[in-house]
Amino acid sequence: MDVGLVGQGDRFEALAHLLRNHDVFHWDADGADGDVELPEHVRRAELSDLREIPIIFLCLPIHRVRETGRELGSVLSGRHVLIHTTRNLEFGTLHTPSAILSEETPTQRFGFLTGPFHTSDVLAGRPSSGVCASEFPEVHELTQDALDTADFRVYRNQDIKGSEVAAAYTRIIAMLSGIGRQMEFGHSLEATLFTRGLAETARFVLYRGGYEKTAFGLAGAGNLHLDTSPSSSPEADIGAEFMRREGVDPEQLRAEFGVAANGLFNLVKSLESVAEGSGIDLPILQHAIELIEGNMTAHKVVEALLGLPVFHE
């Protein structure tokens, strides 16, 4: 099978490995392709080469999705399938990546590949899994045909909107979990934050038009479990730094963590209007906003969350 691969980064490495039995054509929208060493089965491609490739995987940060989608739109048609791996919402608009791509390309068959798989596990051949969220059964089938191996399973989900929202929102929960871990309050608090964080994620998913149960699947609970595991994640590491360097300027962490912090902080800031005007209970998000804006220290955030009124679960 001919498969397109666009972008770079952690997910790119995992996908390049999983696609080793296919002919893979890589186009780097940033033009840095020549600086990257590619696996033998991955060929460098021009944008125009993607015109004849039926399925294309996108590994892009959210701020590159719209521009790259616009470029792809000049060569793609309605017969193409686009599958992205972006765990974020557009800054300002809160559009999901699939919504952005539907605006910028003639393609209407999209998928979102996400879930609890570490690139290191995939490269080492350790058993891993992901989920392809799409409204179209043929997208599920193409994704499974491309990626399924003895060591990697792709599950199916029809709720692409809910999956995109859940995967993005759980990054915020992971950041707060990193604070708790740095405080060494123990696994009980971590488990409580994990559980209440998923409940909050489910409320937000429902608010955005997804299915509540999606928050408890691989896109929500799966991602969050991996993000808060001992192997950690950039989000949990950022939270830990907020606690370790009490009172640190959030902009300093933005500079130090680069793309990971930029995407996370912009997501939190974009959701401020939701926290204020949605009418739904989002206490973890509300305190994440205070943290990112420098209005509360990490220690004060934890104190405030522990002091919230206790209602029915």
C-alpha atoms as a PDB file:
ATOM      1  CA  MET A   1       0.000   0.000   0.000  1.00  0.00           C
ATOM      2  CA  ASP A   2       1.223   3.524  -0.800  1.00  0.00           C
ATOM      3  CA  VAL A   3       0.948   5.720   2.297  1.00  0.00           C
ATOM      4  CA  GLY A   4       1.674   9.420   2.783  1.00  0.00           C
ATOM      5  CA  LEU A   5       3.320  10.776   5.913  1.00  0.00           C
ATOM      6  CA  VAL A   6       3.392  14.509   6.623  1.00  0.00           C
ATOM      7  CA  GLY A   7       5.236  16.318   9.408  1.00  0.00           C
ATOM      8  CA  GLN A   8       7.782  15.352  12.024  1.00  0.00           C
ATOM      9  CA  GLY A   9       8.040  14.609  15.729  1.00  0.00           C
ATOM     10  CA  ASP A  10       7.408  11.798  18.155  1.00  0.00           C
ATOM     11  CA  ARG A  11       4.309  10.367  16.496  1.00  0.00           C
ATOM     12  CA  PHE A  12       6.086  10.522  13.133  1.00  0.00           C
ATOM     13  CA  GLU A  13       8.766   8.127  14.392  1.00  0.00           C
ATOM     14  CA  ALA A  14       6.171   5.687  15.685  1.00  0.00           C
ATOM     15  CA  LEU A  15       4.130   5.761  12.479  1.00  0.00           C
ATOM     16  CA  ALA A  16       7.185   5.434  10.253  1.00  0.00           C
ATOM     17  CA  HIS A  17       8.076   2.272  12.150  1.00  0.00           C
ATOM     18  CA  LEU A  18       4.550   0.843  12.047  1.00  0.00           C
ATOM     19  CA  LEU A  19       4.337   1.497   8.301  1.00  0.00           C
ATOM     20  CA  ARG A  20       7.545  -0.426   7.577  1.00  0.00           C
ATOM     21  CA  ASN A  21       5.747  -2.973   5.382  1.00  0.00           C
ATOM     22  CA  HIS A  22       4.356  -0.294   3.075  1.00  0.00           C
ATOM     23  CA  ASP A  23       5.729   2.196   0.569  1.00  0.00           C
ATOM     24  CA  VAL A  24       5.805   5.442   2.536  1.00  0.00           C
ATOM     25  CA  PHE A  25       6.154   8.889   0.964  1.00  0.00           C
ATOM     26  CA  HIS A  26       7.181  11.657   3.344  1.00  0.00           C
ATOM     27  CA  TRP A  27       6.506  15.318   2.715  1.00  0.00           C
ATOM     28  CA  ASP A  28       7.706  17.798   5.309  1.00  0.00           C
ATOM     29  CA  ALA A  29       5.577  20.925   5.161  1.00  0.00           C
ATOM     30  CA  ASP A  30       8.302  22.890   6.985  1.00  0.00           C
ATOM     31  CA  GLY A  31      10.883  22.152   4.310  1.00  0.00           C
ATOM     32  CA  ALA A  32      13.324  20.558   6.766  1.00  0.00           C
ATOM     33  CA  ASP A  33      13.052  17.115   5.208  1.00  0.00           C
ATOM     34  CA  GLY A  34      16.643  17.126   3.993  1.00  0.00           C
ATOM     35  CA  ASP A  35      17.916  17.499   7.559  1.00  0.00           C
ATOM     36  CA  VAL A  36      16.085  14.416   8.809  1.00  0.00           C
ATOM     37  CA  GLU A  37      17.353  10.864   8.464  1.00  0.00           C
ATOM     38  CA  LEU A  38      14.490   8.703   7.231  1.00  0.00           C
ATOM     39  CA  PRO A  39      14.087   4.913   7.475  1.00  0.00           C
ATOM     40  CA  GLU A  40      14.918   2.994   4.297  1.00  0.00           C
ATOM     41  CA  HIS A  41      11.275   2.332   3.446  1.00  0.00           C
ATOM     42  CA  VAL A  42      10.372   6.042   3.647  1.00  0.00           C
ATOM     43  CA  ARG A  43      10.988   8.132   0.526  1.00  0.00           C
ATOM     44  CA  ARG A  44      11.177  11.888   0.364  1.00  0.00           C
ATOM     45  CA  ALA A  45       8.296  13.327  -1.618  1.00  0.00           C
ATOM     46  CA  GLU A  46       7.102  16.578  -3.120  1.00  0.00           C
ATOM     47  CA  LEU A  47       3.674  17.953  -2.334  1.00  0.00           C
ATOM     48  CA  SER A  48       2.471  16.993  -5.808  1.00  0.00           C
ATOM     49  CA  ASP A  49       3.429  13.343  -5.189  1.00  0.00           C
ATOM     50  CA  LEU A  50       0.658  13.071  -2.589  1.00  0.00           C
ATOM     51  CA  ARG A  51      -1.973  13.516  -5.290  1.00  0.00           C
ATOM     52  CA  GLU A  52      -1.852   9.800  -6.112  1.00  0.00           C
ATOM     53  CA  ILE A  53      -1.619   8.483  -2.543  1.00  0.00           C
ATOM     54  CA  PRO A  54      -5.012   7.466  -1.075  1.00  0.00           C
ATOM     55  CA  ILE A  55      -4.235   7.640   2.660  1.00  0.00           C
ATOM     56  CA  ILE A  56      -2.104  10.306   4.358  1.00  0.00           C
ATOM     57  CA  PHE A  57      -1.097  10.532   8.024  1.00  0.00           C
ATOM     58  CA  LEU A  58      -0.421  13.971   9.513  1.00  0.00           C
ATOM     59  CA  CYS A  59       1.932  14.472  12.487  1.00  0.00           C
ATOM     60  CA  LEU A  60       1.632  18.197  13.139  1.00  0.00           C
ATOM     61  CA  PRO A  61       1.415  20.636  16.052  1.00  0.00           C
ATOM     62  CA  ILE A  62      -1.896  22.478  16.086  1.00  0.00           C
ATOM     63  CA  HIS A  63      -0.431  25.773  14.863  1.00  0.00           C
ATOM     64  CA  ARG A  64       0.681  24.038  11.638  1.00  0.00           C
ATOM     65  CA  VAL A  65      -2.551  22.215  10.836  1.00  0.00           C
ATOM     66  CA  ARG A  66      -4.399  25.013   9.040  1.00  0.00           C
ATOM     67  CA  GLU A  67      -1.513  26.188   6.864  1.00  0.00           C
ATOM     68  CA  THR A  68      -0.469  22.647   5.993  1.00  0.00           C
ATOM     69  CA  GLY A  69      -4.072  21.709   5.281  1.00  0.00           C
ATOM     70  CA  ARG A  70      -4.333  24.653   2.904  1.00  0.00           C
ATOM     71  CA  GLU A  71      -1.233  23.468   1.023  1.00  0.00           C
ATOM     72  CA  LEU A  72      -2.533  19.904   0.879  1.00  0.00           C
ATOM     73  CA  GLY A  73      -5.861  21.197  -0.374  1.00  0.00           C
ATOM     74  CA  SER A  74      -4.183  22.299  -3.595  1.00  0.00           C
ATOM     75  CA  VAL A  75      -3.410  18.689  -4.600  1.00  0.00           C
ATOM     76  CA  LEU A  76      -5.969  16.518  -2.785  1.00  0.00           C
ATOM     77  CA  SER A  77      -9.493  15.539  -3.787  1.00  0.00           C
ATOM     78  CA  GLY A  78     -12.523  13.995  -2.154  1.00  0.00           C
ATOM     79  CA  ARG A  79     -11.154  10.487  -2.654  1.00  0.00           C
ATOM     80  CA  HIS A  80      -8.293  11.004  -0.197  1.00  0.00           C
ATOM     81  CA  VAL A  81      -8.302   9.982   3.463  1.00  0.00           C
ATOM     82  CA  LEU A  82      -6.505  12.171   6.013  1.00  0.00           C
ATOM     83  CA  ILE A  83      -5.635  10.855   9.466  1.00  0.00           C
ATOM     84  CA  HIS A  84      -4.090  13.232  11.992  1.00  0.00           C
ATOM     85  CA  THR A  85      -2.451  12.682  15.383  1.00  0.00           C
ATOM     86  CA  THR A  86      -2.837  16.193  16.865  1.00  0.00           C
ATOM     87  CA  ARG A  87      -3.932  16.342  20.535  1.00  0.00           C
ATOM     88  CA  ASN A  88      -4.963  19.979  20.645  1.00  0.00           C
ATOM     89  CA  LEU A  89      -7.588  22.522  19.616  1.00  0.00           C
ATOM     90  CA  GLU A  90      -6.932  25.597  17.516  1.00  0.00           C
ATOM     91  CA  PHE A  91      -5.875  28.642  19.521  1.00  0.00           C
ATOM     92  CA  GLY A  92      -8.687  31.180  19.664  1.00  0.00           C
ATOM     93  CA  THR A  93     -11.297  29.276  17.649  1.00  0.00           C
ATOM     94  CA  LEU A  94     -11.161  25.946  19.570  1.00  0.00           C
ATOM     95  CA  HIS A  95     -11.708  24.166  16.256  1.00  0.00           C
ATOM     96  CA  THR A  96     -10.698  20.518  16.214  1.00  0.00           C
ATOM     97  CA  PRO A  97      -8.000  19.482  13.711  1.00  0.00           C
ATOM     98  CA  SER A  98     -10.544  17.581  11.593  1.00  0.00           C
ATOM     99  CA  ALA A  99     -12.762  20.677  11.455  1.00  0.00           C
ATOM    100  CA  ILE A 100      -9.782  22.742  10.290  1.00  0.00           C
ATOM    101  CA  LEU A 101      -8.902  20.193   7.617  1.00  0.00           C
ATOM    102  CA  SER A 102     -12.508  20.095   6.403  1.00  0.00           C
ATOM    103  CA  GLU A 103     -12.312  23.868   5.896  1.00  0.00           C
ATOM    104  CA  GLU A 104      -8.965  23.816   4.105  1.00  0.00           C
ATOM    105  CA  THR A 105      -9.157  20.680   1.928  1.00  0.00           C
ATOM    106  CA  PRO A 106     -11.734  19.113  -0.407  1.00  0.00           C
ATOM    107  CA  THR A 107     -11.330  15.900   1.579  1.00  0.00           C
ATOM    108  CA  GLN A 108     -14.185  15.000   3.918  1.00  0.00           C
ATOM    109  CA  ARG A 109     -13.048  11.596   5.161  1.00  0.00           C
ATOM    110  CA  PHE A 110     -10.938  12.161   8.250  1.00  0.00           C
ATOM    111  CA  GLY A 111      -9.583  10.061  11.053  1.00  0.00           C
ATOM    112  CA  PHE A 112      -7.874  10.807  14.354  1.00  0.00           C
ATOM    113  CA  LEU A 113      -5.233   8.363  15.549  1.00  0.00           C
ATOM    114  CA  THR A 114      -4.514   8.623  19.250  1.00  0.00           C
ATOM    115  CA  GLY A 115      -4.259   6.539  22.387  1.00  0.00           C
ATOM    116  CA  PRO A 116      -1.792   5.214  24.915  1.00  0.00           C
ATOM    117  CA  PHE A 117       1.261   4.300  22.871  1.00  0.00           C
ATOM    118  CA  HIS A 118       4.764   5.530  23.647  1.00  0.00           C
ATOM    119  CA  THR A 119       7.083   5.803  20.678  1.00  0.00           C
ATOM    120  CA  SER A 120       9.786   3.985  22.655  1.00  0.00           C
ATOM    121  CA  ASP A 121       7.429   1.022  23.146  1.00  0.00           C
ATOM    122  CA  VAL A 122       6.498   0.941  19.470  1.00  0.00           C
ATOM    123  CA  LEU A 123      10.132   1.085  18.327  1.00  0.00           C
ATOM    124  CA  ALA A 124      11.076  -1.676  20.768  1.00  0.00           C
ATOM    125  CA  GLY A 125       8.274  -3.926  19.532  1.00  0.00           C
ATOM    126  CA  ARG A 126       6.478  -3.937  22.869  1.00  0.00           C
ATOM    127  CA  PRO A 127       2.691  -4.516  22.651  1.00  0.00           C
ATOM    128  CA  SER A 128       0.848  -1.218  22.157  1.00  0.00           C
ATOM    129  CA  SER A 129      -2.484   0.028  20.914  1.00  0.00           C
ATOM    130  CA  GLY A 130      -4.231   3.097  19.594  1.00  0.00           C
ATOM    131  CA  VAL A 131      -7.671   4.115  18.445  1.00  0.00           C
ATOM    132  CA  CYS A 132      -8.786   5.482  15.098  1.00  0.00           C
ATOM    133  CA  ALA A 133     -11.757   7.794  15.541  1.00  0.00           C
ATOM    134  CA  SER A 134     -13.752   8.429  12.383  1.00  0.00           C
ATOM    135  CA  GLU A 135     -17.319   8.564  11.142  1.00  0.00           C
ATOM    136  CA  PHE A 136     -16.368   6.421   8.146  1.00  0.00           C
ATOM    137  CA  PRO A 137     -15.914   2.620   8.354  1.00  0.00           C
ATOM    138  CA  GLU A 138     -13.548   2.687   5.363  1.00  0.00           C
ATOM    139  CA  VAL A 139     -11.229   5.015   7.294  1.00  0.00           C
ATOM    140  CA  HIS A 140     -11.100   2.495  10.128  1.00  0.00           C
ATOM    141  CA  GLU A 141     -10.369  -0.300   7.664  1.00  0.00           C
ATOM    142  CA  LEU A 142      -7.610   1.603   5.863  1.00  0.00           C
ATOM    143  CA  THR A 143      -5.976   2.584   9.142  1.00  0.00           C
ATOM    144  CA  GLN A 144      -6.044  -0.962  10.449  1.00  0.00           C
ATOM    145  CA  ASP A 145      -4.692  -2.316   7.159  1.00  0.00           C
ATOM    146  CA  ALA A 146      -1.835   0.174   7.328  1.00  0.00           C
ATOM    147  CA  LEU A 147      -0.899  -0.069  11.013  1.00  0.00           C
ATOM    148  CA  ASP A 148      -2.045  -3.369  12.523  1.00  0.00           C
ATOM    149  CA  THR A 149       0.859  -5.677  13.382  1.00  0.00           C
ATOM    150  CA  ALA A 150       1.441  -8.486  15.863  1.00  0.00           C
ATOM    151  CA  ASP A 151       2.561  -5.826  18.362  1.00  0.00           C
ATOM    152  CA  PHE A 152       0.179  -2.964  17.591  1.00  0.00           C
ATOM    153  CA  ARG A 153      -3.616  -2.996  17.626  1.00  0.00           C
ATOM    154  CA  VAL A 154      -5.866  -0.269  16.256  1.00  0.00           C
ATOM    155  CA  TYR A 155      -9.324  -0.022  17.820  1.00  0.00           C
ATOM    156  CA  ARG A 156     -12.276   1.788  16.231  1.00  0.00           C
ATOM    157  CA  ASN A 157     -14.356   4.703  17.468  1.00  0.00           C
ATOM    158  CA  GLN A 158     -17.026   6.630  15.545  1.00  0.00           C
ATOM    159  CA  ASP A 159     -16.923   9.728  17.774  1.00  0.00           C
ATOM    160  CA  ILE A 160     -14.127  11.730  16.160  1.00  0.00           C
ATOM    161  CA  LYS A 161     -15.218  15.043  17.679  1.00  0.00           C
ATOM    162  CA  GLY A 162     -15.404  13.605  21.189  1.00  0.00           C
ATOM    163  CA  SER A 163     -12.086  11.801  20.752  1.00  0.00           C
ATOM    164  CA  GLU A 164     -10.292  14.955  19.612  1.00  0.00           C
ATOM    165  CA  VAL A 165     -11.713  16.956  22.504  1.00  0.00           C
ATOM    166  CA  ALA A 166     -10.977  14.263  25.104  1.00  0.00           C
ATOM    167  CA  ALA A 167      -7.397  13.778  23.906  1.00  0.00           C
ATOM    168  CA  ALA A 168      -6.768  17.519  24.140  1.00  0.00           C
ATOM    169  CA  TYR A 169      -8.475  18.103  27.491  1.00  0.00           C
ATOM    170  CA  THR A 170      -6.688  15.263  29.276  1.00  0.00           C
ATOM    171  CA  ARG A 171      -3.396  17.067  28.636  1.00  0.00           C
ATOM    172  CA  ILE A 172      -4.563  19.704  31.119  1.00  0.00           C
ATOM    173  CA  ILE A 173      -5.410  17.046  33.693  1.00  0.00           C
ATOM    174  CA  ALA A 174      -1.945  15.535  33.178  1.00  0.00           C
ATOM    175  CA  MET A 175      -0.292  18.873  33.943  1.00  0.00           C
ATOM    176  CA  LEU A 176      -2.119  19.140  37.273  1.00  0.00           C
ATOM    177  CA  SER A 177      -1.228  15.522  38.006  1.00  0.00           C
ATOM    178  CA  GLY A 178       2.429  16.437  37.583  1.00  0.00           C
ATOM    179  CA  ILE A 179       2.042  19.007  40.346  1.00  0.00           C
ATOM    180  CA  GLY A 180       0.590  16.408  42.705  1.00  0.00           C
ATOM    181  CA  ARG A 181       3.368  13.949  41.944  1.00  0.00           C
ATOM    182  CA  GLN A 182       6.065  16.545  42.626  1.00  0.00           C
ATOM    183  CA  MET A 183       4.441  17.277  46.006  1.00  0.00           C
ATOM    184  CA  GLU A 184       4.733  13.555  46.826  1.00  0.00           C
ATOM    185  CA  PHE A 185       1.213  13.408  48.242  1.00  0.00           C
ATOM    186  CA  GLY A 186       0.999   9.740  47.277  1.00  0.00           C
ATOM    187  CA  HIS A 187      -0.908   7.567  44.852  1.00  0.00           C
ATOM    188  CA  SER A 188      -4.279   8.174  46.524  1.00  0.00           C
ATOM    189  CA  LEU A 189      -4.326  11.825  45.470  1.00  0.00           C
ATOM    190  CA  GLU A 190      -3.091  10.904  41.994  1.00  0.00           C
ATOM    191  CA  ALA A 191      -5.926   8.385  41.628  1.00  0.00           C
ATOM    192  CA  THR A 192      -8.481  10.931  42.817  1.00  0.00           C
ATOM    193  CA  LEU A 193      -7.244  13.564  40.372  1.00  0.00           C
ATOM    194  CA  PHE A 194      -7.229  10.981  37.579  1.00  0.00           C
ATOM    195  CA  THR A 195     -10.831   9.976  38.283  1.00  0.00           C
ATOM    196  CA  ARG A 196     -12.224  13.463  38.831  1.00  0.00           C
ATOM    197  CA  GLY A 197     -10.252  14.682  35.840  1.00  0.00           C
ATOM    198  CA  LEU A 198     -11.922  12.098  33.634  1.00  0.00           C
ATOM    199  CA  ALA A 199     -15.341  13.120  34.948  1.00  0.00           C
ATOM    200  CA  GLU A 200     -14.533  16.734  34.072  1.00  0.00           C
ATOM    201  CA  THR A 201     -13.276  15.659  30.650  1.00  0.00           C
ATOM    202  CA  ALA A 202     -16.550  13.805  30.044  1.00  0.00           C
ATOM    203  CA  ARG A 203     -18.562  16.937  30.866  1.00  0.00           C
ATOM    204  CA  PHE A 204     -16.486  18.959  28.419  1.00  0.00           C
ATOM    205  CA  VAL A 205     -16.759  16.317  25.695  1.00  0.00           C
ATOM    206  CA  LEU A 206     -20.549  16.304  26.080  1.00  0.00           C
ATOM    207  CA  TYR A 207     -20.586  20.115  25.975  1.00  0.00           C
ATOM    208  CA  ARG A 208     -18.660  20.044  22.684  1.00  0.00           C
ATOM    209  CA  GLY A 209     -21.075  17.591  21.069  1.00  0.00           C
ATOM    210  CA  GLY A 210     -19.223  14.330  21.650  1.00  0.00           C
ATOM    211  CA  TYR A 211     -20.308  11.209  23.491  1.00  0.00           C
ATOM    212  CA  GLU A 212     -19.679  11.199  27.235  1.00  0.00           C
ATOM    213  CA  LYS A 213     -18.384   7.619  27.162  1.00  0.00           C
ATOM    214  CA  THR A 214     -15.575   8.630  24.790  1.00  0.00           C
ATOM    215  CA  ALA A 215     -13.781  10.259  27.722  1.00  0.00           C
ATOM    216  CA  PHE A 216     -13.441   6.828  29.324  1.00  0.00           C
ATOM    217  CA  GLY A 217     -11.986   5.125  26.241  1.00  0.00           C
ATOM    218  CA  LEU A 218      -8.491   5.101  24.751  1.00  0.00           C
ATOM    219  CA  ALA A 219      -8.661   8.734  23.582  1.00  0.00           C
ATOM    220  CA  GLY A 220      -9.475   9.970  27.088  1.00  0.00           C
ATOM    221  CA  ALA A 221      -8.629   7.541  29.882  1.00  0.00           C
ATOM    222  CA  GLY A 222      -5.999   5.764  27.797  1.00  0.00           C
ATOM    223  CA  ASN A 223      -4.088   8.927  26.995  1.00  0.00           C
ATOM    224  CA  LEU A 224      -4.396  10.237  30.548  1.00  0.00           C
ATOM    225  CA  HIS A 225      -3.179   6.989  32.090  1.00  0.00           C
ATOM    226  CA  LEU A 226      -0.066   7.056  29.921  1.00  0.00           C
ATOM    227  CA  ASP A 227       0.502  10.786  30.458  1.00  0.00           C
ATOM    228  CA  THR A 228       0.448  10.316  34.233  1.00  0.00           C
ATOM    229  CA  SER A 229       2.418   7.050  34.329  1.00  0.00           C
ATOM    230  CA  PRO A 230       5.965   6.831  35.748  1.00  0.00           C
ATOM    231  CA  SER A 231       7.334   7.346  32.219  1.00  0.00           C
ATOM    232  CA  SER A 232       5.545  10.708  32.378  1.00  0.00           C
ATOM    233  CA  SER A 233       4.791  13.167  29.573  1.00  0.00           C
ATOM    234  CA  PRO A 234       5.701  16.769  28.696  1.00  0.00           C
ATOM    235  CA  GLU A 235       2.458  17.915  30.336  1.00  0.00           C
ATOM    236  CA  ALA A 236       3.190  16.152  33.634  1.00  0.00           C
ATOM    237  CA  ASP A 237       6.781  17.393  33.504  1.00  0.00           C
ATOM    238  CA  ILE A 238       5.565  20.974  33.081  1.00  0.00           C
ATOM    239  CA  GLY A 239       3.265  20.573  36.082  1.00  0.00           C
ATOM    240  CA  ALA A 240       6.127  19.180  38.152  1.00  0.00           C
ATOM    241  CA  GLU A 241       8.279  22.189  37.233  1.00  0.00           C
ATOM    242  CA  PHE A 242       5.534  24.567  38.382  1.00  0.00           C
ATOM    243  CA  MET A 243       5.711  22.859  41.763  1.00  0.00           C
ATOM    244  CA  ARG A 244       9.475  22.363  41.968  1.00  0.00           C
ATOM    245  CA  ARG A 245      10.138  26.011  41.115  1.00  0.00           C
ATOM    246  CA  GLU A 246       7.335  27.555  43.134  1.00  0.00           C
ATOM    247  CA  GLY A 247       6.320  30.916  41.696  1.00  0.00           C
ATOM    248  CA  VAL A 248       8.149  30.414  38.382  1.00  0.00           C
ATOM    249  CA  ASP A 249       7.043  32.698  35.559  1.00  0.00           C
ATOM    250  CA  PRO A 250       4.871  30.614  33.187  1.00  0.00           C
ATOM    251  CA  GLU A 251       6.535  32.363  30.253  1.00  0.00           C
ATOM    252  CA  GLN A 252       9.882  30.985  31.393  1.00  0.00           C
ATOM    253  CA  LEU A 253       8.496  27.455  31.227  1.00  0.00           C
ATOM    254  CA  ARG A 254       7.009  28.248  27.825  1.00  0.00           C
ATOM    255  CA  ALA A 255      10.492  29.146  26.594  1.00  0.00           C
ATOM    256  CA  GLU A 256      12.138  26.099  28.169  1.00  0.00           C
ATOM    257  CA  PHE A 257       9.622  23.478  27.028  1.00  0.00           C
ATOM    258  CA  GLY A 258       9.057  24.966  23.573  1.00  0.00           C
ATOM    259  CA  VAL A 259       6.299  23.524  21.394  1.00  0.00           C
ATOM    260  CA  ALA A 260       4.877  21.315  24.169  1.00  0.00           C
ATOM    261  CA  ALA A 261       4.339  24.263  26.527  1.00  0.00           C
ATOM    262  CA  ASN A 262       3.174  26.604  23.764  1.00  0.00           C
ATOM    263  CA  GLY A 263       0.474  24.200  22.670  1.00  0.00           C
ATOM    264  CA  LEU A 264      -0.613  23.383  26.219  1.00  0.00           C
ATOM    265  CA  PHE A 265      -0.665  26.968  27.507  1.00  0.00           C
ATOM    266  CA  ASN A 266      -2.501  28.225  24.419  1.00  0.00           C
ATOM    267  CA  LEU A 267      -5.077  25.463  24.865  1.00  0.00           C
ATOM    268  CA  VAL A 268      -5.676  26.493  28.478  1.00  0.00           C
ATOM    269  CA  LYS A 269      -5.970  30.172  27.545  1.00  0.00           C
ATOM    270  CA  SER A 270      -8.368  29.391  24.693  1.00  0.00           C
ATOM    271  CA  LEU A 271     -10.624  27.485  27.072  1.00  0.00           C
ATOM    272  CA  GLU A 272     -10.948  30.406  29.476  1.00  0.00           C
ATOM    273  CA  SER A 273     -14.178  31.585  27.844  1.00  0.00           C
ATOM    274  CA  VAL A 274     -15.601  28.066  28.188  1.00  0.00           C
ATOM    275  CA  ALA A 275     -14.706  27.937  31.871  1.00  0.00           C
ATOM    276  CA  GLU A 276     -16.419  31.280  32.452  1.00  0.00           C
ATOM    277  CA  GLY A 277     -19.496  31.031  30.274  1.00  0.00           C
ATOM    278  CA  SER A 278     -20.398  27.403  29.630  1.00  0.00           C
ATOM    279  CA  GLY A 279     -22.296  26.825  32.855  1.00  0.00           C
ATOM    280  CA  ILE A 280     -20.621  23.451  33.375  1.00  0.00           C
ATOM    281  CA  ASP A 281     -18.453  22.506  36.331  1.00  0.00           C
ATOM    282  CA  LEU A 282     -14.782  22.626  35.251  1.00  0.00           C
ATOM    283  CA  PRO A 283     -12.778  23.267  38.441  1.00  0.00           C
ATOM    284  CA  ILE A 284      -9.527  21.683  37.237  1.00  0.00           C
ATOM    285  CA  LEU A 285      -9.557  23.811  34.091  1.00  0.00           C
ATOM    286  CA  GLN A 286     -10.381  26.937  36.096  1.00  0.00           C
ATOM    287  CA  HIS A 287      -7.389  26.413  38.366  1.00  0.00           C
ATOM    288  CA  ALA A 288      -5.139  25.543  35.428  1.00  0.00           C
ATOM    289  CA  ILE A 289      -6.046  28.942  33.980  1.00  0.00           C
ATOM    290  CA  GLU A 290      -5.064  30.670  37.233  1.00  0.00           C
ATOM    291  CA  LEU A 291      -1.760  28.785  37.204  1.00  0.00           C
ATOM    292  CA  ILE A 292      -0.916  29.584  33.574  1.00  0.00           C
ATOM    293  CA  GLU A 293      -1.784  33.249  34.037  1.00  0.00           C
ATOM    294  CA  GLY A 294       0.452  33.472  37.099  1.00  0.00           C
ATOM    295  CA  ASN A 295      -2.402  34.290  39.482  1.00  0.00           C
ATOM    296  CA  MET A 296      -1.857  31.225  41.687  1.00  0.00           C
ATOM    297  CA  THR A 297       1.177  29.153  42.608  1.00  0.00           C
ATOM    298  CA  ALA A 298       1.117  25.399  42.104  1.00  0.00           C
ATOM    299  CA  HIS A 299       0.824  24.855  45.865  1.00  0.00           C
ATOM    300  CA  LYS A 300      -2.170  27.194  46.073  1.00  0.00           C
ATOM    301  CA  VAL A 301      -3.826  25.406  43.153  1.00  0.00           C
ATOM    302  CA  VAL A 302      -3.620  22.067  44.965  1.00  0.00           C
ATOM    303  CA  GLU A 303      -4.896  23.635  48.199  1.00  0.00           C
ATOM    304  CA  ALA A 304      -7.839  25.169  46.341  1.00  0.00           C
ATOM    305  CA  LEU A 305      -8.757  21.908  44.600  1.00  0.00           C
ATOM    306  CA  LEU A 306      -8.601  19.985  47.877  1.00  0.00           C
ATOM    307  CA  GLY A 307     -10.829  22.617  49.469  1.00  0.00           C
ATOM    308  CA  LEU A 308     -13.648  22.387  46.928  1.00  0.00           C
ATOM    309  CA  PRO A 309     -17.089  21.391  48.257  1.00  0.00           C
ATOM    310  CA  VAL A 310     -17.727  17.647  48.164  1.00  0.00           C
ATOM    311  CA  PHE A 311     -20.894  16.521  46.370  1.00  0.00           C
ATOM    312  CA  HIS A 312     -22.140  13.211  44.994  1.00  0.00           C
ATOM    313  CA  GLU A 313     -19.585  11.518  42.764  1.00  0.00           C
END
